[in-house]
Protein backbone atom coordinates (compact mmCIF):
# COMPACT_ATOMS: atom_id res chain seq x y z
CA MET A 1 114.10 99.50 93.09
CA PRO A 2 112.51 102.87 94.01
CA THR A 3 111.58 105.51 91.69
CA PRO A 4 113.66 108.21 90.13
CA THR A 5 111.23 110.73 92.15
CA SER A 6 111.02 108.87 95.76
CA TRP A 7 113.15 109.69 98.23
CA SER A 8 115.07 107.24 100.56
CA VAL A 9 116.65 106.99 104.36
CA TYR A 10 120.02 105.12 104.32
CA LEU A 11 122.25 103.90 106.67
CA LEU A 12 125.81 103.79 106.34
CA GLN A 13 128.19 102.15 108.53
CA CYS A 14 131.86 104.11 108.97
CA ARG A 15 135.02 103.39 109.19
CA ASP A 16 135.17 103.39 113.01
CA GLY A 17 131.97 101.34 113.22
CA SER A 18 129.65 103.95 113.86
CA TYR A 19 126.57 104.28 111.70
CA TYR A 20 125.15 107.78 109.49
CA CYS A 21 121.72 108.14 108.54
CA GLY A 22 120.58 110.49 106.06
CA ILE A 23 118.11 111.18 102.93
CA SER A 24 118.37 111.16 99.46
CA ASN A 25 116.73 110.80 95.82
CA ASP A 26 120.29 108.97 94.87
CA VAL A 27 121.54 106.62 97.73
CA GLN A 28 124.38 105.07 95.11
CA ALA A 29 125.58 108.99 94.07
CA ARG A 30 125.07 110.28 97.48
CA PHE A 31 127.24 107.23 98.99
CA GLN A 32 130.11 107.84 96.31
CA ALA A 33 129.82 111.75 97.63
CA HIS A 34 130.55 110.70 101.17
CA VAL A 35 133.29 108.44 100.21
CA GLN A 36 135.33 110.88 98.19
CA GLY A 37 134.70 113.47 101.27
CA ARG A 38 131.82 115.79 99.69
CA GLY A 39 129.04 114.55 101.84
CA ALA A 40 128.00 115.38 105.26
CA ARG A 41 130.49 116.56 107.76
CA TYR A 42 130.69 113.75 109.87
CA THR A 43 131.10 111.48 107.31
CA ARG A 44 134.45 113.62 106.34
CA ALA A 45 135.75 113.14 109.65
CA HIS A 46 133.61 109.19 109.63
CA PRO A 47 134.39 107.79 106.45
CA PRO A 48 131.63 105.14 104.91
CA VAL A 49 132.58 101.62 104.13
CA CYS A 50 129.27 100.37 102.90
CA ILE A 51 125.47 100.97 102.51
CA LEU A 52 124.01 98.77 105.66
CA ALA A 53 120.53 99.60 104.27
CA SER A 54 117.55 101.46 102.74
CA ARG A 55 114.00 102.46 102.70
CA SER A 56 111.73 104.18 100.05
CA TYR A 57 109.47 107.03 100.66
CA PRO A 58 107.23 108.98 98.03
CA ASP A 59 108.34 112.30 99.10
CA ARG A 60 111.38 114.30 100.38
CA ALA A 61 108.99 115.29 103.52
CA SER A 62 108.20 111.59 104.79
CA ALA A 63 112.01 110.82 104.24
CA ALA A 64 112.94 113.71 106.30
CA ARG A 65 110.23 112.51 109.15
CA ALA A 66 111.62 109.05 108.96
CA GLU A 67 114.84 109.83 109.59
CA TRP A 68 114.11 111.98 112.03
CA GLN A 69 112.63 108.66 113.59
CA VAL A 70 115.77 106.37 112.81
CA LYS A 71 118.05 109.01 114.33
CA GLN A 72 115.94 108.46 118.01
CA LEU A 73 116.48 105.29 117.76
CA PRO A 74 119.19 103.71 119.74
CA ARG A 75 121.91 102.17 118.04
CA ASP A 76 120.91 98.41 118.04
CA ARG A 77 117.76 99.34 116.68
CA LYS A 78 118.47 101.32 113.59
CA LEU A 79 119.31 98.73 111.36
CA ALA A 80 116.68 96.70 112.35
CA TRP A 81 113.93 99.89 111.56
CA LEU A 82 115.61 100.12 108.26
CA LEU A 83 115.25 96.15 107.25
CA GLY A 84 111.51 96.29 108.60
CA GLU A 85 112.05 93.15 110.78
CA THR A 86 109.41 93.04 113.09
CA GLY A 87 109.32 93.81 116.97
CA VAL A 88 111.11 96.79 116.26
CA VAL A 89 108.73 100.06 116.96
CA ALA A 90 108.72 103.11 115.11
CA LEU A 91 108.50 106.44 117.18
CA THR A 92 105.62 108.32 115.98
């Protein structure tokens, strides 16, 4: 479980099957904001149905860099990267 001051990169699955990637220091609260239409513009148009994965980072800056890396990956590699599966190379 992440510490209260840690930040996380999270990946949501939306109703239309698309993915949304973001960062937060409280993933559950941020997910609820997305569900209630108070999240990102993308999730207002593509409502999320579940949190697929999240990965913790020690600070906001490292989480933001990781979020950018995930967003550069092809769709099929995003979930694998967040789950830490072997054979998936993160961009640096």
